[in-house]
């Protein structure tokens, strides 16, 4: 996996994480729809090959 692909994947993960945190802080229908829309975008990008999902990674959180 190239550095650029890893950075794009990381950006997708960060954006999804932020939307999910917003929903968990204040759950409502609009935030839930935003999370679902972001998940769909992520899946479509992965299926079309726009982003590559690493087979393994290390989390430092």
PDB file of N, CA and C in Angstrom:
ATOM      1  N   UNK A   1       0.854  -1.175   0.000  1.00  0.00           N
ATOM      2  CA  UNK A   1       0.000   0.000   0.000  1.00  0.00           C
ATOM      3  C   UNK A   1       0.892   1.227   0.000  1.00  0.00           C
ATOM      4  N   UNK A   2       0.631   2.123  -0.936  1.00  0.00           N
ATOM      5  CA  UNK A   2       1.440   3.329  -1.042  1.00  0.00           C
ATOM      6  C   UNK A   2       1.118   4.300   0.101  1.00  0.00           C
ATOM      7  N   UNK A   3       2.022   5.229   0.303  1.00  0.00           N
ATOM      8  CA  UNK A   3       1.818   6.236   1.345  1.00  0.00           C
ATOM      9  C   UNK A   3       0.587   7.077   1.034  1.00  0.00           C
ATOM     10  N   UNK A   4       0.407   7.423  -0.234  1.00  0.00           N
ATOM     11  CA  UNK A   4      -0.745   8.241  -0.629  1.00  0.00           C
ATOM     12  C   UNK A   4      -2.046   7.488  -0.369  1.00  0.00           C
ATOM     13  N   UNK A   5      -2.095   6.213  -0.709  1.00  0.00           N
ATOM     14  CA  UNK A   5      -3.293   5.410  -0.475  1.00  0.00           C
ATOM     15  C   UNK A   5      -3.574   5.291   1.015  1.00  0.00           C
ATOM     16  N   UNK A   6      -2.528   5.123   1.809  1.00  0.00           N
ATOM     17  CA  UNK A   6      -2.711   5.023   3.256  1.00  0.00           C
ATOM     18  C   UNK A   6      -3.247   6.336   3.825  1.00  0.00           C
ATOM     19  N   UNK A   7      -2.752   7.460   3.319  1.00  0.00           N
ATOM     20  CA  UNK A   7      -3.240   8.759   3.789  1.00  0.00           C
ATOM     21  C   UNK A   7      -4.702   8.971   3.406  1.00  0.00           C
ATOM     22  N   UNK A   8      -5.080   8.582   2.204  1.00  0.00           N
ATOM     23  CA  UNK A   8      -6.482   8.708   1.786  1.00  0.00           C
ATOM     24  C   UNK A   8      -7.378   7.840   2.658  1.00  0.00           C
ATOM     25  N   UNK A   9      -6.936   6.622   2.935  1.00  0.00           N
ATOM     26  CA  UNK A   9      -7.709   5.722   3.801  1.00  0.00           C
ATOM     27  C   UNK A   9      -7.835   6.326   5.196  1.00  0.00           C
ATOM     28  N   UNK A  10      -6.736   6.877   5.700  1.00  0.00           N
ATOM     29  CA  UNK A  10      -6.748   7.480   7.027  1.00  0.00           C
ATOM     30  C   UNK A  10      -7.701   8.674   7.073  1.00  0.00           C
ATOM     31  N   UNK A  11      -7.724   9.483   6.016  1.00  0.00           N
ATOM     32  CA  UNK A  11      -8.646  10.622   5.955  1.00  0.00           C
ATOM     33  C   UNK A  11     -10.102  10.153   5.993  1.00  0.00           C
ATOM     34  N   UNK A  12     -10.410   9.091   5.249  1.00  0.00           N
ATOM     35  CA  UNK A  12     -11.771   8.538   5.250  1.00  0.00           C
ATOM     36  C   UNK A  12     -12.150   8.066   6.657  1.00  0.00           C
ATOM     37  N   UNK A  13     -11.225   7.386   7.321  1.00  0.00           N
ATOM     38  CA  UNK A  13     -11.473   6.899   8.671  1.00  0.00           C
ATOM     39  C   UNK A  13     -11.706   8.049   9.647  1.00  0.00           C
ATOM     40  N   UNK A  14     -10.893   9.084   9.537  1.00  0.00           N
ATOM     41  CA  UNK A  14     -11.015  10.236  10.438  1.00  0.00           C
ATOM     42  C   UNK A  14     -12.353  10.949  10.249  1.00  0.00           C
ATOM     43  N   UNK A  15     -12.766  11.112   9.007  1.00  0.00           N
ATOM     44  CA  UNK A  15     -14.036  11.785   8.736  1.00  0.00           C
ATOM     45  C   UNK A  15     -15.216  10.974   9.279  1.00  0.00           C
ATOM     46  N   UNK A  16     -15.179   9.671   9.065  1.00  0.00           N
ATOM     47  CA  UNK A  16     -16.232   8.803   9.585  1.00  0.00           C
ATOM     48  C   UNK A  16     -16.241   8.836  11.111  1.00  0.00           C
ATOM     49  N   UNK A  17     -15.071   8.808  11.721  1.00  0.00           N
ATOM     50  CA  UNK A  17     -14.960   8.836  13.179  1.00  0.00           C
ATOM     51  C   UNK A  17     -15.552  10.120  13.750  1.00  0.00           C
ATOM     52  N   UNK A  18     -15.283  11.251  13.117  1.00  0.00           N
ATOM     53  CA  UNK A  18     -15.817  12.523  13.595  1.00  0.00           C
ATOM     54  C   UNK A  18     -17.341  12.566  13.508  1.00  0.00           C
ATOM     55  N   UNK A  19     -17.882  12.067  12.419  1.00  0.00           N
ATOM     56  CA  UNK A  19     -19.343  12.057  12.276  1.00  0.00           C
ATOM     57  C   UNK A  19     -19.981  11.129  13.312  1.00  0.00           C
ATOM     58  N   UNK A  20     -19.341  10.004  13.559  1.00  0.00           N
ATOM     59  CA  UNK A  20     -19.867   9.066  14.547  1.00  0.00           C
ATOM     60  C   UNK A  20     -19.801   9.659  15.956  1.00  0.00           C
ATOM     61  N   UNK A  21     -18.721  10.339  16.268  1.00  0.00           N
ATOM     62  CA  UNK A  21     -18.602  10.995  17.575  1.00  0.00           C
ATOM     63  C   UNK A  21     -19.666  12.080  17.741  1.00  0.00           C
ATOM     64  N   UNK A  22     -19.928  12.834  16.671  1.00  0.00           N
ATOM     65  CA  UNK A  22     -20.977  13.853  16.727  1.00  0.00           C
ATOM     66  C   UNK A  22     -22.338  13.241  16.984  1.00  0.00           C
ATOM     67  N   UNK A  23     -22.610  12.109  16.335  1.00  0.00           N
ATOM     68  CA  UNK A  23     -23.881  11.428  16.551  1.00  0.00           C
ATOM     69  C   UNK A  23     -23.979  10.917  17.984  1.00  0.00           C
ATOM     70  N   UNK A  24     -22.904  10.354  18.488  1.00  0.00           N
ATOM     71  CA  UNK A  24     -22.937   9.801  19.845  1.00  0.00           C
ATOM     72  C   UNK A  24     -23.083  10.905  20.895  1.00  0.00           C
ATOM     73  N   UNK A  25     -22.542  12.084  20.610  1.00  0.00           N
ATOM     74  CA  UNK A  25     -22.658  13.199  21.546  1.00  0.00           C
ATOM     75  C   UNK A  25     -24.072  13.750  21.576  1.00  0.00           C
ATOM     76  N   UNK A  26     -24.697  13.834  20.398  1.00  0.00           N
ATOM     77  CA  UNK A  26     -26.061  14.349  20.305  1.00  0.00           C
ATOM     78  C   UNK A  26     -26.808  13.539  19.255  1.00  0.00           C
ATOM     79  N   UNK A  27     -27.331  12.388  19.655  1.00  0.00           N
ATOM     80  CA  UNK A  27     -28.017  11.544  18.666  1.00  0.00           C
ATOM     81  C   UNK A  27     -29.302  12.186  18.145  1.00  0.00           C
ATOM     82  N   UNK A  28     -29.376  12.286  16.847  1.00  0.00           N
ATOM     83  CA  UNK A  28     -30.606  12.721  16.196  1.00  0.00           C
ATOM     84  C   UNK A  28     -30.598  12.164  14.777  1.00  0.00           C
ATOM     85  N   UNK A  29     -31.704  12.292  14.103  1.00  0.00           N
ATOM     86  CA  UNK A  29     -31.862  11.690  12.776  1.00  0.00           C
ATOM     87  C   UNK A  29     -30.884  12.273  11.756  1.00  0.00           C
ATOM     88  N   UNK A  30     -30.641  13.571  11.818  1.00  0.00           N
ATOM     89  CA  UNK A  30     -29.753  14.215  10.844  1.00  0.00           C
ATOM     90  C   UNK A  30     -28.324  13.710  10.979  1.00  0.00           C
ATOM     91  N   UNK A  31     -27.853  13.597  12.212  1.00  0.00           N
ATOM     92  CA  UNK A  31     -26.493  13.097  12.425  1.00  0.00           C
ATOM     93  C   UNK A  31     -26.383  11.625  12.037  1.00  0.00           C
ATOM     94  N   UNK A  32     -27.430  10.864  12.305  1.00  0.00           N
ATOM     95  CA  UNK A  32     -27.417   9.454  11.914  1.00  0.00           C
ATOM     96  C   UNK A  32     -27.364   9.318  10.402  1.00  0.00           C
ATOM     97  N   UNK A  33     -28.123  10.128   9.701  1.00  0.00           N
ATOM     98  CA  UNK A  33     -28.091  10.114   8.236  1.00  0.00           C
ATOM     99  C   UNK A  33     -26.708  10.491   7.718  1.00  0.00           C
ATOM    100  N   UNK A  34     -26.041  11.441   8.385  1.00  0.00           N
ATOM    101  CA  UNK A  34     -24.695  11.845   7.980  1.00  0.00           C
ATOM    102  C   UNK A  34     -23.711  10.691   8.153  1.00  0.00           C
ATOM    103  N   UNK A  35     -23.833   9.950   9.236  1.00  0.00           N
ATOM    104  CA  UNK A  35     -22.968   8.782   9.465  1.00  0.00           C
ATOM    105  C   UNK A  35     -23.217   7.728   8.392  1.00  0.00           C
ATOM    106  N   UNK A  36     -24.463   7.435   8.125  1.00  0.00           N
ATOM    107  CA  UNK A  36     -24.801   6.422   7.118  1.00  0.00           C
ATOM    108  C   UNK A  36     -24.320   6.853   5.741  1.00  0.00           C
ATOM    109  N   UNK A  37     -24.500   8.130   5.401  1.00  0.00           N
ATOM    110  CA  UNK A  37     -24.033   8.628   4.105  1.00  0.00           C
ATOM    111  C   UNK A  37     -22.518   8.507   3.990  1.00  0.00           C
ATOM    112  N   UNK A  38     -21.797   8.816   5.067  1.00  0.00           N
ATOM    113  CA  UNK A  38     -20.342   8.700   5.047  1.00  0.00           C
ATOM    114  C   UNK A  38     -19.917   7.237   4.906  1.00  0.00           C
ATOM    115  N   UNK A  39     -20.627   6.345   5.568  1.00  0.00           N
ATOM    116  CA  UNK A  39     -20.319   4.913   5.441  1.00  0.00           C
ATOM    117  C   UNK A  39     -20.546   4.432   4.009  1.00  0.00           C
ATOM    118  N   UNK A  40     -21.612   4.891   3.398  1.00  0.00           N
ATOM    119  CA  UNK A  40     -21.881   4.509   2.001  1.00  0.00           C
ATOM    120  C   UNK A  40     -20.798   5.031   1.068  1.00  0.00           C
ATOM    121  N   UNK A  41     -20.362   6.262   1.287  1.00  0.00           N
ATOM    122  CA  UNK A  41     -19.289   6.839   0.488  1.00  0.00           C
ATOM    123  C   UNK A  41     -18.014   6.019   0.648  1.00  0.00           C
ATOM    124  N   UNK A  42     -17.721   5.622   1.863  1.00  0.00           N
ATOM    125  CA  UNK A  42     -16.535   4.817   2.153  1.00  0.00           C
ATOM    126  C   UNK A  42     -16.612   3.470   1.442  1.00  0.00           C
ATOM    127  N   UNK A  43     -17.753   2.810   1.515  1.00  0.00           N
ATOM    128  CA  UNK A  43     -17.926   1.507   0.869  1.00  0.00           C
ATOM    129  C   UNK A  43     -17.799   1.642  -0.647  1.00  0.00           C
ATOM    130  N   UNK A  44     -18.444   2.645  -1.214  1.00  0.00           N
ATOM    131  CA  UNK A  44     -18.369   2.850  -2.664  1.00  0.00           C
ATOM    132  C   UNK A  44     -16.926   3.106  -3.110  1.00  0.00           C
ATOM    133  N   UNK A  45     -16.195   3.901  -2.357  1.00  0.00           N
ATOM    134  CA  UNK A  45     -14.797   4.185  -2.697  1.00  0.00           C
ATOM    135  C   UNK A  45     -13.953   2.916  -2.612  1.00  0.00           C
ATOM    136  N   UNK A  46     -14.186   2.107  -1.601  1.00  0.00           N
ATOM    137  CA  UNK A  46     -13.429   0.859  -1.457  1.00  0.00           C
ATOM    138  C   UNK A  46     -13.778  -0.128  -2.568  1.00  0.00           C
ATOM    139  N   UNK A  47     -15.049  -0.243  -2.897  1.00  0.00           N
ATOM    140  CA  UNK A  47     -15.465  -1.191  -3.930  1.00  0.00           C
ATOM    141  C   UNK A  47     -14.988  -0.776  -5.318  1.00  0.00           C
ATOM    142  N   UNK A  48     -14.928   0.516  -5.571  1.00  0.00           N
ATOM    143  CA  UNK A  48     -14.513   0.988  -6.887  1.00  0.00           C
ATOM    144  C   UNK A  48     -12.995   1.086  -7.020  1.00  0.00           C
ATOM    145  N   UNK A  49     -12.295   0.903  -5.911  1.00  0.00           N
ATOM    146  CA  UNK A  49     -10.836   0.963  -5.958  1.00  0.00           C
ATOM    147  C   UNK A  49     -10.266   2.344  -5.779  1.00  0.00           C
ATOM    148  N   UNK A  50     -11.104   3.316  -5.460  1.00  0.00           N
ATOM    149  CA  UNK A  50     -10.625   4.682  -5.246  1.00  0.00           C
ATOM    150  C   UNK A  50      -9.713   4.733  -4.019  1.00  0.00           C
ATOM    151  N   UNK A  51     -10.081   4.008  -2.981  1.00  0.00           N
ATOM    152  CA  UNK A  51      -9.221   3.886  -1.810  1.00  0.00           C
ATOM    153  C   UNK A  51      -8.891   2.413  -1.615  1.00  0.00           C
ATOM    154  N   UNK A  52      -7.773   2.180  -0.996  1.00  0.00           N
ATOM    155  CA  UNK A  52      -7.355   0.825  -0.694  1.00  0.00           C
ATOM    156  C   UNK A  52      -7.400   0.665   0.817  1.00  0.00           C
ATOM    157  N   UNK A  53      -7.963  -0.423   1.287  1.00  0.00           N
ATOM    158  CA  UNK A  53      -8.041  -0.677   2.715  1.00  0.00           C
ATOM    159  C   UNK A  53      -6.855  -1.555   3.092  1.00  0.00           C
ATOM    160  N   UNK A  54      -6.041  -1.111   4.074  1.00  0.00           N
ATOM    161  CA  UNK A  54      -4.883  -1.914   4.441  1.00  0.00           C
ATOM    162  C   UNK A  54      -5.297  -3.236   5.077  1.00  0.00           C
ATOM    163  N   UNK A  55      -4.498  -4.267   4.840  1.00  0.00           N
ATOM    164  CA  UNK A  55      -4.796  -5.581   5.399  1.00  0.00           C
ATOM    165  C   UNK A  55      -4.524  -5.599   6.894  1.00  0.00           C
ATOM    166  N   UNK A  56      -3.604  -4.770   7.367  1.00  0.00           N
ATOM    167  CA  UNK A  56      -3.330  -4.636   8.791  1.00  0.00           C
ATOM    168  C   UNK A  56      -2.833  -3.230   9.075  1.00  0.00           C
ATOM    169  N   UNK A  57      -3.003  -2.785  10.295  1.00  0.00           N
ATOM    170  CA  UNK A  57      -2.526  -1.464  10.673  1.00  0.00           C
ATOM    171  C   UNK A  57      -2.367  -1.438  12.184  1.00  0.00           C
ATOM    172  N   UNK A  58      -1.684  -0.430  12.656  1.00  0.00           N
ATOM    173  CA  UNK A  58      -1.452  -0.253  14.082  1.00  0.00           C
ATOM    174  C   UNK A  58      -2.177   0.991  14.520  1.00  0.00           C
ATOM    175  N   UNK A  59      -2.963   0.884  15.575  1.00  0.00           N
ATOM    176  CA  UNK A  59      -3.675   2.034  16.112  1.00  0.00           C
ATOM    177  C   UNK A  59      -2.938   2.524  17.354  1.00  0.00           C
ATOM    178  N   UNK A  60      -2.726   3.812  17.425  1.00  0.00           N
ATOM    179  CA  UNK A  60      -2.033   4.403  18.566  1.00  0.00           C
ATOM    180  C   UNK A  60      -2.984   5.193  19.448  1.00  0.00           C
ATOM    181  N   UNK A  61      -4.285   4.952  19.326  1.00  0.00           N
ATOM    182  CA  UNK A  61      -5.262   5.687  20.136  1.00  0.00           C
ATOM    183  C   UNK A  61      -5.358   5.097  21.504  1.00  0.00           C
TER     184      UNK A  61
END
